[in-house]
C-alpha atoms as a PDB file:
ATOM      1  CA  MET A   1       0.091   0.102  -0.233  1.00  0.00           C
ATOM      2  CA  LYS A   2       1.168   3.386  -0.840  1.00  0.00           C
ATOM      3  CA  LYS A   3       1.696   5.800   1.983  1.00  0.00           C
ATOM      4  CA  ILE A   4       0.493   9.473   1.384  1.00  0.00           C
ATOM      5  CA  LEU A   5       2.032  12.334   2.916  1.00  0.00           C
ATOM      6  CA  TYR A   6       0.038  15.389   2.500  1.00  0.00           C
ATOM      7  CA  VAL A   7       1.696  18.611   2.145  1.00  0.00           C
ATOM      8  CA  THR A   8       0.625  21.672   4.285  1.00  0.00           C
ATOM      9  CA  PHE A   9       1.211  25.323   4.116  1.00  0.00           C
ATOM     10  CA  ALA A  10       0.784  28.558   6.392  1.00  0.00           C
ATOM     11  CA  ALA A  11      -1.435  29.552   3.150  1.00  0.00           C
ATOM     12  CA  LEU A  12      -4.146  27.036   4.134  1.00  0.00           C
ATOM     13  CA  ALA A  13      -4.992  29.182   7.185  1.00  0.00           C
ATOM     14  CA  PHE A  14      -6.414  31.500   4.791  1.00  0.00           C
ATOM     15  CA  ALA A  15      -9.042  29.176   4.117  1.00  0.00           C
ATOM     16  CA  GLY A  16     -10.028  29.107   7.700  1.00  0.00           C
ATOM     17  CA  CYS A  17     -11.429  31.935   9.982  1.00  0.00           C
ATOM     18  CA  LYS A  18     -11.111  34.675   7.573  1.00  0.00           C
ATOM     19  CA  LYS A  19     -12.593  32.781   4.996  1.00  0.00           C
ATOM     20  CA  ASP A  20     -15.729  31.944   6.906  1.00  0.00           C
ATOM     21  CA  LYS A  21     -17.063  35.424   6.694  1.00  0.00           C
ATOM     22  CA  PRO A  22     -19.892  35.588   4.089  1.00  0.00           C
ATOM     23  CA  GLN A  23     -19.121  37.944   1.264  1.00  0.00           C
ATOM     24  CA  SER A  24     -21.744  40.944   1.058  1.00  0.00           C
ATOM     25  CA  LEU A  25     -22.709  42.457  -2.189  1.00  0.00           C
ATOM     26  CA  PRO A  26     -25.470  44.971  -3.050  1.00  0.00           C
ATOM     27  CA  ASN A  27     -28.332  43.426  -4.884  1.00  0.00           C
ATOM     28  CA  PRO A  28     -30.759  45.899  -6.571  1.00  0.00           C
ATOM     29  CA  LYS A  29     -34.450  45.261  -5.961  1.00  0.00           C
ATOM     30  CA  PRO A  30     -36.284  43.682  -8.765  1.00  0.00           C
ATOM     31  CA  SER A  31     -39.276  45.361 -10.613  1.00  0.00           C
ATOM     32  CA  ALA A  32     -42.969  44.663 -10.039  1.00  0.00           C
ATOM     33  CA  VAL A  33     -43.043  42.522 -13.183  1.00  0.00           C
ATOM     34  CA  ALA A  34     -39.827  40.629 -12.400  1.00  0.00           C
ATOM     35  CA  GLN A  35     -39.883  36.914 -12.921  1.00  0.00           C
ATOM     36  CA  LYS A  36     -39.301  34.119 -10.326  1.00  0.00           C
ATOM     37  CA  VAL A  37     -36.013  32.048 -11.325  1.00  0.00           C
ATOM     38  CA  SER A  38     -35.666  28.841  -9.346  1.00  0.00           C
ATOM     39  CA  PHE A  39     -32.476  26.649  -9.553  1.00  0.00           C
ATOM     40  CA  ASP A  40     -31.622  23.479  -7.737  1.00  0.00           C
ATOM     41  CA  VAL A  41     -28.194  22.228  -7.544  1.00  0.00           C
ATOM     42  CA  ASN A  42     -28.583  18.916  -5.998  1.00  0.00           C
ATOM     43  CA  ASP A  43     -26.740  16.485  -8.583  1.00  0.00           C
ATOM     44  CA  PHE A  44     -23.026  16.360  -9.386  1.00  0.00           C
ATOM     45  CA  GLY A  45     -22.222  15.380 -12.938  1.00  0.00           C
ATOM     46  CA  MET A  46     -18.605  14.741 -14.133  1.00  0.00           C
ATOM     47  CA  THR A  47     -18.215  15.188 -17.921  1.00  0.00           C
ATOM     48  CA  ALA A  48     -15.009  15.117 -20.020  1.00  0.00           C
ATOM     49  CA  GLY A  49     -14.072  13.317 -23.201  1.00  0.00           C
ATOM     50  CA  ASN A  50     -16.724  10.365 -23.594  1.00  0.00           C
ATOM     51  CA  LEU A  51     -17.338  10.112 -19.854  1.00  0.00           C
ATOM     52  CA  LYS A  52     -20.724  11.123 -18.257  1.00  0.00           C
ATOM     53  CA  THR A  53     -21.496   9.826 -14.859  1.00  0.00           C
ATOM     54  CA  ASN A  54     -23.743  11.134 -12.129  1.00  0.00           C
ATOM     55  CA  GLY A  55     -22.623  11.008  -8.812  1.00  0.00           C
ATOM     56  CA  ILE A  56     -24.301  12.405  -5.883  1.00  0.00           C
ATOM     57  CA  THR A  57     -28.092  13.002  -6.236  1.00  0.00           C
ATOM     58  CA  ASN A  58     -29.298  14.201  -3.057  1.00  0.00           C
ATOM     59  CA  VAL A  59     -28.819  17.229  -0.848  1.00  0.00           C
ATOM     60  CA  ASN A  60     -27.078  15.186   1.944  1.00  0.00           C
ATOM     61  CA  GLY A  61     -24.611  14.154  -0.820  1.00  0.00           C
ATOM     62  CA  LEU A  62     -24.052  17.770  -1.841  1.00  0.00           C
ATOM     63  CA  LYS A  63     -23.597  18.842   1.769  1.00  0.00           C
ATOM     64  CA  ASP A  64     -20.708  15.798   2.245  1.00  0.00           C
ATOM     65  CA  HIS A  65     -18.266  17.551  -0.464  1.00  0.00           C
ATOM     66  CA  ILE A  66     -18.904  21.229  -0.481  1.00  0.00           C
ATOM     67  CA  LYS A  67     -19.351  23.448   2.349  1.00  0.00           C
ATOM     68  CA  TYR A  68     -20.432  26.674   0.121  1.00  0.00           C
ATOM     69  CA  LEU A  69     -22.489  27.666  -2.690  1.00  0.00           C
ATOM     70  CA  ARG A  70     -22.364  30.942  -4.657  1.00  0.00           C
ATOM     71  CA  TYR A  71     -24.899  32.177  -7.083  1.00  0.00           C
ATOM     72  CA  ALA A  72     -23.718  35.396  -9.492  1.00  0.00           C
ATOM     73  CA  VAL A  73     -25.575  37.350 -11.721  1.00  0.00           C
ATOM     74  CA  LEU A  74     -24.291  39.542 -14.387  1.00  0.00           C
ATOM     75  CA  ASN A  75     -26.774  41.537 -16.349  1.00  0.00           C
ATOM     76  CA  TRP A  76     -25.758  40.963 -20.227  1.00  0.00           C
ATOM     77  CA  GLN A  77     -27.469  44.374 -21.291  1.00  0.00           C
ATOM     78  CA  GLU A  78     -24.962  45.955 -19.005  1.00  0.00           C
ATOM     79  CA  ALA A  79     -22.060  43.894 -20.312  1.00  0.00           C
ATOM     80  CA  ASN A  80     -21.025  46.355 -23.319  1.00  0.00           C
ATOM     81  CA  PHE A  81     -17.795  47.181 -24.984  1.00  0.00           C
ATOM     82  CA  THR A  82     -18.041  51.011 -23.819  1.00  0.00           C
ATOM     83  CA  ASP A  83     -19.504  51.213 -20.397  1.00  0.00           C
ATOM     84  CA  LEU A  84     -17.821  48.167 -18.509  1.00  0.00           C
ATOM     85  CA  ILE A  85     -19.525  47.214 -15.432  1.00  0.00           C
ATOM     86  CA  THR A  86     -17.335  46.232 -12.290  1.00  0.00           C
ATOM     87  CA  THR A  87     -20.186  44.447 -10.028  1.00  0.00           C
ATOM     88  CA  LEU A  88     -22.226  41.978  -9.830  1.00  0.00           C
ATOM     89  CA  TYR A  89     -25.906  42.276 -10.712  1.00  0.00           C
ATOM     90  CA  ARG A  90     -27.178  39.761  -8.281  1.00  0.00           C
ATOM     91  CA  TYR A  91     -25.478  37.685  -5.687  1.00  0.00           C
ATOM     92  CA  GLN A  92     -26.223  34.809  -2.945  1.00  0.00           C
ATOM     93  CA  GLU A  93     -24.104  32.765  -0.795  1.00  0.00           C
ATOM     94  CA  HIS A  94     -25.359  29.764   0.936  1.00  0.00           C
ATOM     95  CA  ILE A  95     -23.596  27.320   3.519  1.00  0.00           C
ATOM     96  CA  SER A  96     -24.338  23.728   3.864  1.00  0.00           C
ATOM     97  CA  SER A  97     -25.867  24.320   7.317  1.00  0.00           C
ATOM     98  CA  GLU A  98     -29.020  25.727   5.569  1.00  0.00           C
ATOM     99  CA  THR A  99     -31.853  23.196   5.647  1.00  0.00           C
ATOM    100  CA  ASN A 100     -32.565  23.884   1.683  1.00  0.00           C
ATOM    101  CA  PHE A 101     -29.030  23.574   0.721  1.00  0.00           C
ATOM    102  CA  GLY A 102     -28.625  23.537  -2.900  1.00  0.00           C
ATOM    103  CA  GLN A 103     -31.909  25.335  -3.587  1.00  0.00           C
ATOM    104  CA  ILE A 104     -31.560  28.938  -4.998  1.00  0.00           C
ATOM    105  CA  ARG A 105     -34.623  31.177  -5.588  1.00  0.00           C
ATOM    106  CA  ASP A 106     -34.633  34.851  -7.190  1.00  0.00           C
ATOM    107  CA  SER A 107     -36.390  37.286  -8.889  1.00  0.00           C
ATOM    108  CA  LEU A 108     -35.090  39.064 -12.279  1.00  0.00           C
ATOM    109  CA  ASP A 109     -36.376  41.348 -14.799  1.00  0.00           C
ATOM    110  CA  ASP A 110     -36.505  40.464 -18.402  1.00  0.00           C
ATOM    111  CA  GLY A 111     -33.275  40.348 -20.233  1.00  0.00           C
ATOM    112  CA  ARG A 112     -30.246  38.289 -20.820  1.00  0.00           C
ATOM    113  CA  TYR A 113     -27.867  37.256 -17.969  1.00  0.00           C
ATOM    114  CA  HIS A 114     -24.777  35.581 -17.357  1.00  0.00           C
ATOM    115  CA  ILE A 115     -25.512  33.135 -14.264  1.00  0.00           C
ATOM    116  CA  CYS A 116     -22.870  31.315 -12.508  1.00  0.00           C
ATOM    117  CA  PHE A 117     -22.681  28.824  -9.668  1.00  0.00           C
ATOM    118  CA  ILE A 118     -19.464  27.892  -7.744  1.00  0.00           C
ATOM    119  CA  GLY A 119     -19.421  25.207  -4.889  1.00  0.00           C
ATOM    120  CA  SER A 120     -16.478  24.591  -2.779  1.00  0.00           C
ATOM    121  CA  ASP A 121     -15.142  23.346   0.213  1.00  0.00           C
ATOM    122  CA  VAL A 122     -13.248  26.647   0.791  1.00  0.00           C
ATOM    123  CA  LEU A 123     -14.844  30.048   0.789  1.00  0.00           C
ATOM    124  CA  GLY A 124     -13.141  32.386  -1.766  1.00  0.00           C
ATOM    125  CA  LYS A 125     -14.429  35.418  -3.421  1.00  0.00           C
ATOM    126  CA  VAL A 126     -16.638  36.158  -6.413  1.00  0.00           C
ATOM    127  CA  ASP A 127     -16.216  39.201  -8.498  1.00  0.00           C
ATOM    128  CA  VAL A 128     -16.096  40.824 -11.912  1.00  0.00           C
ATOM    129  CA  GLU A 129     -12.956  40.404 -14.078  1.00  0.00           C
ATOM    130  CA  THR A 130     -12.498  42.405 -17.300  1.00  0.00           C
ATOM    131  CA  ILE A 131     -11.382  39.867 -20.128  1.00  0.00           C
ATOM    132  CA  PRO A 132      -9.717  41.011 -23.332  1.00  0.00           C
ATOM    133  CA  PHE A 133     -11.747  40.850 -26.392  1.00  0.00           C
ATOM    134  CA  THR A 134     -11.072  40.995 -30.085  1.00  0.00           C
ATOM    135  CA  GLY A 135     -10.467  44.688 -31.780  1.00  0.00           C
ATOM    136  CA  GLY A 136      -8.915  45.713 -28.140  1.00  0.00           C
ATOM    137  CA  ASN A 137     -12.444  45.520 -26.831  1.00  0.00           C
ATOM    138  CA  GLN A 138     -13.165  43.948 -23.012  1.00  0.00           C
ATOM    139  CA  LEU A 139     -15.971  41.943 -21.606  1.00  0.00           C
ATOM    140  CA  PRO A 140     -16.789  41.646 -18.001  1.00  0.00           C
ATOM    141  CA  HIS A 141     -17.094  38.021 -16.737  1.00  0.00           C
ATOM    142  CA  PRO A 142     -17.928  36.840 -13.208  1.00  0.00           C
ATOM    143  CA  ALA A 143     -15.053  35.184 -11.379  1.00  0.00           C
ATOM    144  CA  TYR A 144     -13.649  33.072  -8.441  1.00  0.00           C
ATOM    145  CA  ARG A 145     -10.491  33.839  -6.555  1.00  0.00           C
ATOM    146  CA  LEU A 146      -8.897  32.071  -4.000  1.00  0.00           C
ATOM    147  CA  ASP A 147      -5.209  31.435  -2.658  1.00  0.00           C
ATOM    148  CA  TYR A 148      -3.847  29.015  -5.302  1.00  0.00           C
ATOM    149  CA  LYS A 149      -2.472  26.648  -2.384  1.00  0.00           C
ATOM    150  CA  SER A 150      -5.914  26.446  -1.023  1.00  0.00           C
ATOM    151  CA  LEU A 151      -7.461  24.779  -4.102  1.00  0.00           C
ATOM    152  CA  THR A 152      -8.632  21.342  -3.500  1.00  0.00           C
ATOM    153  CA  THR A 153     -10.314  18.857  -5.824  1.00  0.00           C
ATOM    154  CA  ASN A 154     -13.751  19.618  -4.479  1.00  0.00           C
ATOM    155  CA  ILE A 155     -14.342  22.909  -6.343  1.00  0.00           C
ATOM    156  CA  PHE A 156     -17.196  22.763  -8.997  1.00  0.00           C
ATOM    157  CA  SER A 157     -18.906  25.268 -11.109  1.00  0.00           C
ATOM    158  CA  ALA A 158     -21.604  25.649 -13.777  1.00  0.00           C
ATOM    159  CA  TYR A 159     -22.564  28.434 -16.188  1.00  0.00           C
ATOM    160  CA  VAL A 160     -25.936  29.402 -17.719  1.00  0.00           C
ATOM    161  CA  ASP A 161     -26.614  32.033 -20.286  1.00  0.00           C
ATOM    162  CA  THR A 162     -30.195  32.613 -19.552  1.00  0.00           C
ATOM    163  CA  THR A 163     -32.845  35.057 -21.134  1.00  0.00           C
ATOM    164  CA  ILE A 164     -35.815  36.013 -19.221  1.00  0.00           C
ATOM    165  CA  ALA A 165     -38.750  36.919 -21.330  1.00  0.00           C
ATOM    166  CA  GLY A 166     -42.046  37.449 -19.211  1.00  0.00           C
ATOM    167  CA  LYS A 167     -42.093  33.623 -17.966  1.00  0.00           C
ATOM    168  CA  PRO A 168     -40.455  32.158 -14.779  1.00  0.00           C
ATOM    169  CA  VAL A 169     -37.344  30.081 -14.767  1.00  0.00           C
ATOM    170  CA  ASP A 170     -37.005  26.652 -13.373  1.00  0.00           C
ATOM    171  CA  LYS A 171     -33.598  24.782 -14.030  1.00  0.00           C
ATOM    172  CA  PRO A 172     -31.749  21.891 -12.476  1.00  0.00           C
ATOM    173  CA  ILE A 173     -27.978  22.866 -12.468  1.00  0.00           C
ATOM    174  CA  VAL A 174     -25.123  20.120 -12.881  1.00  0.00           C
ATOM    175  CA  LEU A 175     -21.812  21.062 -11.302  1.00  0.00           C
ATOM    176  CA  LYS A 176     -18.709  20.094 -13.008  1.00  0.00           C
ATOM    177  CA  ARG A 177     -15.151  19.789 -11.307  1.00  0.00           C
ATOM    178  CA  ALA A 178     -13.351  23.291 -12.063  1.00  0.00           C
ATOM    179  CA  VAL A 179      -9.946  22.335 -11.469  1.00  0.00           C
ATOM    180  CA  SER A 180      -7.250  20.202 -13.034  1.00  0.00           C
ATOM    181  CA  GLN A 181      -4.506  17.632 -11.459  1.00  0.00           C
ATOM    182  CA  LEU A 182      -1.219  17.186 -12.592  1.00  0.00           C
ATOM    183  CA  THR A 183       1.080  14.289 -11.273  1.00  0.00           C
ATOM    184  CA  VAL A 184       4.710  13.942 -12.076  1.00  0.00           C
ATOM    185  CA  HIS A 185       5.813  10.265 -11.682  1.00  0.00           C
ATOM    186  CA  MET A 186       9.668   9.674 -11.465  1.00  0.00           C
ATOM    187  CA  ASN A 187      10.991   6.447 -12.881  1.00  0.00           C
ATOM    188  CA  ASP A 188      14.268   6.789 -11.441  1.00  0.00           C
ATOM    189  CA  ALA A 189      15.759   6.793  -8.073  1.00  0.00           C
ATOM    190  CA  ILE A 190      15.597   9.624  -5.449  1.00  0.00           C
ATOM    191  CA  PRO A 191      19.190  10.364  -4.792  1.00  0.00           C
ATOM    192  CA  ALA A 192      20.379  11.034  -0.918  1.00  0.00           C
ATOM    193  CA  ASN A 193      21.044  14.533  -1.049  1.00  0.00           C
ATOM    194  CA  ALA A 194      17.370  15.370  -2.502  1.00  0.00           C
ATOM    195  CA  ALA A 195      15.692  17.701  -0.114  1.00  0.00           C
ATOM    196  CA  LYS A 196      12.657  18.928  -1.812  1.00  0.00           C
ATOM    197  CA  PHE A 197      10.856  19.142  -5.222  1.00  0.00           C
ATOM    198  CA  VAL A 198       9.386  22.181  -6.565  1.00  0.00           C
ATOM    199  CA  ILE A 199       7.055  22.442  -9.484  1.00  0.00           C
ATOM    200  CA  THR A 200       6.528  25.863 -11.185  1.00  0.00           C
ATOM    201  CA  PHE A 201       3.751  26.937 -13.160  1.00  0.00           C
ATOM    202  CA  THR A 202       4.589  29.964 -15.495  1.00  0.00           C
ATOM    203  CA  ASP A 203       2.060  32.556 -15.905  1.00  0.00           C
ATOM    204  CA  TYR A 204      -0.415  31.242 -13.456  1.00  0.00           C
ATOM    205  CA  PRO A 205      -3.795  32.755 -13.786  1.00  0.00           C
ATOM    206  CA  LEU A 206      -5.383  35.029 -10.909  1.00  0.00           C
ATOM    207  CA  GLY A 207      -8.509  32.889 -10.656  1.00  0.00           C
ATOM    208  CA  LEU A 208     -11.247  31.197 -12.384  1.00  0.00           C
ATOM    209  CA  ASP A 209     -13.292  32.645 -15.163  1.00  0.00           C
ATOM    210  CA  LEU A 210     -16.784  31.369 -14.370  1.00  0.00           C
ATOM    211  CA  VAL A 211     -18.249  31.830 -17.901  1.00  0.00           C
ATOM    212  CA  THR A 212     -15.417  30.100 -19.796  1.00  0.00           C
ATOM    213  CA  GLY A 213     -14.404  27.519 -16.987  1.00  0.00           C
ATOM    214  CA  ASN A 214     -11.063  28.240 -17.427  1.00  0.00           C
ATOM    215  CA  GLY A 215      -8.300  30.225 -15.615  1.00  0.00           C
ATOM    216  CA  ILE A 216      -8.818  33.947 -16.279  1.00  0.00           C
ATOM    217  CA  PHE A 217      -7.427  35.038 -19.525  1.00  0.00           C
ATOM    218  CA  ARG A 218      -4.782  38.012 -19.173  1.00  0.00           C
ATOM    219  CA  GLY A 219      -4.704  38.950 -22.830  1.00  0.00           C
ATOM    220  CA  ARG A 220      -1.283  40.267 -24.198  1.00  0.00           C
ATOM    221  CA  GLN A 221       1.256  37.599 -24.553  1.00  0.00           C
ATOM    222  CA  ASP A 222       3.997  39.920 -23.094  1.00  0.00           C
ATOM    223  CA  GLU A 223       2.383  40.281 -19.719  1.00  0.00           C
ATOM    224  CA  TYR A 224       2.971  37.226 -17.779  1.00  0.00           C
ATOM    225  CA  THR A 225       1.265  36.934 -14.342  1.00  0.00           C
ATOM    226  CA  PRO A 226       3.346  35.679 -11.214  1.00  0.00           C
ATOM    227  CA  ASP A 227       4.340  32.130 -11.307  1.00  0.00           C
ATOM    228  CA  ALA A 228       2.837  29.802  -9.027  1.00  0.00           C
ATOM    229  CA  THR A 229       5.309  27.235  -6.973  1.00  0.00           C
ATOM    230  CA  PHE A 230       4.269  24.166  -5.050  1.00  0.00           C
ATOM    231  CA  GLU A 231       7.166  22.595  -2.690  1.00  0.00           C
ATOM    232  CA  PHE A 232       7.550  18.822  -1.579  1.00  0.00           C
ATOM    233  CA  SER A 233       9.423  18.020   0.902  1.00  0.00           C
ATOM    234  CA  VAL A 234      11.397  14.632   0.466  1.00  0.00           C
ATOM    235  CA  SER A 235      11.658  12.345   3.532  1.00  0.00           C
ATOM    236  CA  ASP A 236      14.163   9.789   3.975  1.00  0.00           C
ATOM    237  CA  ALA A 237      12.163   6.999   3.660  1.00  0.00           C
ATOM    238  CA  VAL A 238      11.681   7.843  -0.258  1.00  0.00           C
ATOM    239  CA  LYS A 239      15.376   8.274  -0.962  1.00  0.00           C
ATOM    240  CA  GLY A 240      16.942   5.615  -3.139  1.00  0.00           C
ATOM    241  CA  LYS A 241      13.428   4.401  -4.305  1.00  0.00           C
ATOM    242  CA  THR A 242      11.953   4.785  -7.370  1.00  0.00           C
ATOM    243  CA  GLY A 243       8.120   5.666  -8.492  1.00  0.00           C
ATOM    244  CA  MET A 244       7.806   8.742  -6.445  1.00  0.00           C
ATOM    245  CA  GLU A 245       4.882  10.867  -7.369  1.00  0.00           C
ATOM    246  CA  ILE A 246       3.983  14.679  -6.448  1.00  0.00           C
ATOM    247  CA  THR A 247       0.907  16.039  -7.344  1.00  0.00           C
ATOM    248  CA  SER A 248      -0.721  19.514  -7.585  1.00  0.00           C
ATOM    249  CA  ILE A 249      -4.211  20.799  -7.987  1.00  0.00           C
ATOM    250  CA  VAL A 250      -4.472  23.751 -10.239  1.00  0.00           C
ATOM    251  CA  TRP A 251      -6.847  25.935 -12.262  1.00  0.00           C
ATOM    252  CA  PRO A 252      -7.262  24.875 -16.118  1.00  0.00           C
ATOM    253  CA  TYR A 253      -5.409  26.908 -18.529  1.00  0.00           C
ATOM    254  CA  ASP A 254      -2.597  26.936 -21.133  1.00  0.00           C
ATOM    255  CA  TYR A 255       0.623  27.229 -19.291  1.00  0.00           C
ATOM    256  CA  PRO A 256       3.487  28.515 -21.077  1.00  0.00           C
ATOM    257  CA  LYS A 257       5.721  26.503 -19.035  1.00  0.00           C
ATOM    258  CA  ILE A 258       5.905  23.885 -16.121  1.00  0.00           C
ATOM    259  CA  THR A 259       8.947  22.916 -14.223  1.00  0.00           C
ATOM    260  CA  VAL A 260      10.030  20.470 -11.919  1.00  0.00           C
ATOM    261  CA  ASP A 261      13.209  20.966  -9.920  1.00  0.00           C
ATOM    262  CA  CYS A 262      14.948  18.918  -7.367  1.00  0.00           C
ATOM    263  CA  LEU A 263      17.085  20.931  -4.469  1.00  0.00           C
ATOM    264  CA  ASP A 264      19.232  19.756  -1.902  1.00  0.00           C
ATOM    265  CA  GLY A 265      19.352  20.910   1.754  1.00  0.00           C
ATOM    266  CA  GLN A 266      21.424  24.275   0.432  1.00  0.00           C
ATOM    267  CA  GLY A 267      18.695  25.133  -1.919  1.00  0.00           C
ATOM    268  CA  LYS A 268      20.833  24.149  -5.102  1.00  0.00           C
ATOM    269  CA  VAL A 269      19.212  22.848  -7.918  1.00  0.00           C
ATOM    270  CA  ILE A 270      20.604  19.212  -8.646  1.00  0.00           C
ATOM    271  CA  ALA A 271      18.019  18.050 -11.292  1.00  0.00           C
ATOM    272  CA  GLN A 272      15.563  20.007 -13.361  1.00  0.00           C
ATOM    273  CA  ALA A 273      12.869  18.976 -16.161  1.00  0.00           C
ATOM    274  CA  ILE A 274      10.482  21.020 -18.260  1.00  0.00           C
ATOM    275  CA  LEU A 275       7.626  19.060 -18.836  1.00  0.00           C
ATOM    276  CA  PRO A 276       6.664  18.578 -22.643  1.00  0.00           C
ATOM    277  CA  LYS A 277       4.005  20.692 -24.009  1.00  0.00           C
ATOM    278  CA  ASN A 278       0.977  19.266 -24.987  1.00  0.00           C
ATOM    279  CA  TYR A 279      -0.687  21.981 -27.153  1.00  0.00           C
ATOM    280  CA  ASN A 280       0.663  23.219 -30.612  1.00  0.00           C
ATOM    281  CA  ASN A 281       4.164  22.713 -29.038  1.00  0.00           C
ATOM    282  CA  LEU A 282       3.659  26.244 -27.379  1.00  0.00           C
ATOM    283  CA  TYR A 283       1.679  25.490 -24.075  1.00  0.00           C
ATOM    284  CA  ASP A 284       0.415  22.721 -21.554  1.00  0.00           C
ATOM    285  CA  ARG A 285      -2.905  22.991 -21.839  1.00  0.00           C
ATOM    286  CA  LEU A 286      -4.727  21.533 -18.555  1.00  0.00           C
ATOM    287  CA  ASP A 287      -8.399  21.118 -18.993  1.00  0.00           C
ATOM    288  CA  PRO A 288     -10.906  20.963 -16.162  1.00  0.00           C
ATOM    289  CA  ASN A 289     -11.988  17.966 -14.390  1.00  0.00           C
ATOM    290  CA  THR A 290      -8.935  16.071 -16.389  1.00  0.00           C
ATOM    291  CA  GLN A 291      -5.815  14.387 -14.579  1.00  0.00           C
ATOM    292  CA  TYR A 292      -2.616  14.863 -16.292  1.00  0.00           C
ATOM    293  CA  LYS A 293       0.394  12.344 -15.447  1.00  0.00           C
ATOM    294  CA  PHE A 294       4.035  13.155 -16.708  1.00  0.00           C
ATOM    295  CA  SER A 295       6.283  10.138 -16.310  1.00  0.00           C
ATOM    296  CA  GLY A 296      10.126   9.857 -16.811  1.00  0.00           C
ATOM    297  CA  ASN A 297      13.371  10.401 -15.558  1.00  0.00           C
ATOM    298  CA  LEU A 298      14.576  13.362 -13.780  1.00  0.00           C
ATOM    299  CA  PHE A 299      17.967  12.344 -12.751  1.00  0.00           C
ATOM    300  CA  GLY A 300      19.706  10.968 -15.718  1.00  0.00           C
ATOM    301  CA  ARG A 301      22.064  12.770 -17.946  1.00  0.00           C
ATOM    302  CA  SER A 302      18.895  14.027 -19.941  1.00  0.00           C
ATOM    303  CA  ALA A 303      15.494  14.444 -18.219  1.00  0.00           C
ATOM    304  CA  ASN A 304      12.639  13.250 -20.433  1.00  0.00           C
ATOM    305  CA  PHE A 305       8.892  12.884 -19.556  1.00  0.00           C
ATOM    306  CA  SER A 306       6.043  11.957 -21.465  1.00  0.00           C
ATOM    307  CA  VAL A 307       2.274  12.752 -20.545  1.00  0.00           C
ATOM    308  CA  THR A 308      -0.913  10.704 -20.214  1.00  0.00           C
ATOM    309  CA  VAL A 309      -4.362  12.090 -19.898  1.00  0.00           C
ATOM    310  CA  ASP A 310      -7.063  10.731 -17.822  1.00  0.00           C
ATOM    311  CA  THR A 311     -10.408  12.370 -18.071  1.00  0.00           C
ATOM    312  CA  LYS A 312     -12.194   9.629 -16.102  1.00  0.00           C
ATOM    313  CA  TRP A 313     -11.667  11.608 -12.737  1.00  0.00           C
ATOM    314  CA  GLY A 314     -12.689   9.881  -9.807  1.00  0.00           C
ATOM    315  CA  THR A 315     -14.464   6.444  -9.600  1.00  0.00           C
ATOM    316  CA  PRO A 316     -17.920   4.991 -10.316  1.00  0.00           C
ATOM    317  CA  VAL A 317     -21.466   6.281  -9.507  1.00  0.00           C
ATOM    318  CA  ASN A 318     -21.970   7.404  -5.810  1.00  0.00           C
ATOM    319  CA  THR A 319     -18.026   7.380  -5.208  1.00  0.00           C
ATOM    320  CA  PRO A 320     -16.683   9.860  -7.153  1.00  0.00           C
ATOM    321  CA  PHE A 321     -14.256  11.518  -4.895  1.00  0.00           C
ATOM    322  CA  SER A 322     -11.862   9.087  -3.884  1.00  0.00           C
ATOM    323  CA  LEU A 323      -9.017  11.077  -4.766  1.00  0.00           C
ATOM    324  CA  PRO A 324      -7.232  13.147  -1.782  1.00  0.00           C
ATOM    325  CA  SER A 325      -8.635  16.401  -1.569  1.00  0.00           C
ATOM    326  CA  LYS A 326      -5.569  18.280  -0.701  1.00  0.00           C
ATOM    327  CA  THR A 327      -3.926  20.869  -3.016  1.00  0.00           C
ATOM    328  CA  GLN A 328      -0.838  18.730  -3.401  1.00  0.00           C
ATOM    329  CA  HIS A 329       0.424  15.464  -2.045  1.00  0.00           C
ATOM    330  CA  ILE A 330       3.291  13.021  -2.428  1.00  0.00           C
ATOM    331  CA  ASN A 331       3.054   9.499  -2.930  1.00  0.00           C
END
């Protein structure tokens, strides 16, 4: 049996008491002719590739895996190129202790709306991000943000483009896993002087675009966002052994570069590999609800890795979350 060591960070405290304070946003009062809208978020669906399985099919199951459910609305009519809006039109935040957790009720005037849902076991923040568009234009999209080292596998989202036209709306909502998982498997033995591994994601997105379901697109190619680094301590128990794996949970995105470094106790790099690009030889494209496993030799004369993709995240119906929910871990 593999022993799994979870790596914790001070940053995880960010998901603690401070994040338990609900987010408060103004909600304009609907008009007298506003239509009732109802959304029931009581089922998880996992879709990727040819996979389509349903997992949790009741509210109690929903509560077992997410603590917070947020509902965010952006008025499409206000989302134009010339007068960009910077605040959400409607917002609700629900916690799992509520009796009717998973049921969202609201009233909206006739019109077209971005309606987004985010379910998670950490709170984070929902706001509006300005997304670069063609011709130098920009569009506002609802976005979800939290410290990247607080990401878990239990983050799910859904988006509907809805037009209210004189009739009530009642829709079931299926949340899909909103993160990617990257695992690096080392075929060769870990040297005795190895102290830690570091995975670096160049140009790490600043949050999740709730409309596209990918990391927030930054626009100009010469304006990289800060890198994200994940560190993994090496215990004596794994030194000299083969098959070591390190895993990170990240936002789905087109990463220009993903680097794996092994450092000794003095911080000197003793081995490095740049993971092979899987999209047009330009990016490592990591899609939501997908696991990527890079396998290869890190400590030989020339490091080389190959990648396999698994869209079947989790196990069959009713037990879809057998994988560890921490941001990162060592096998």
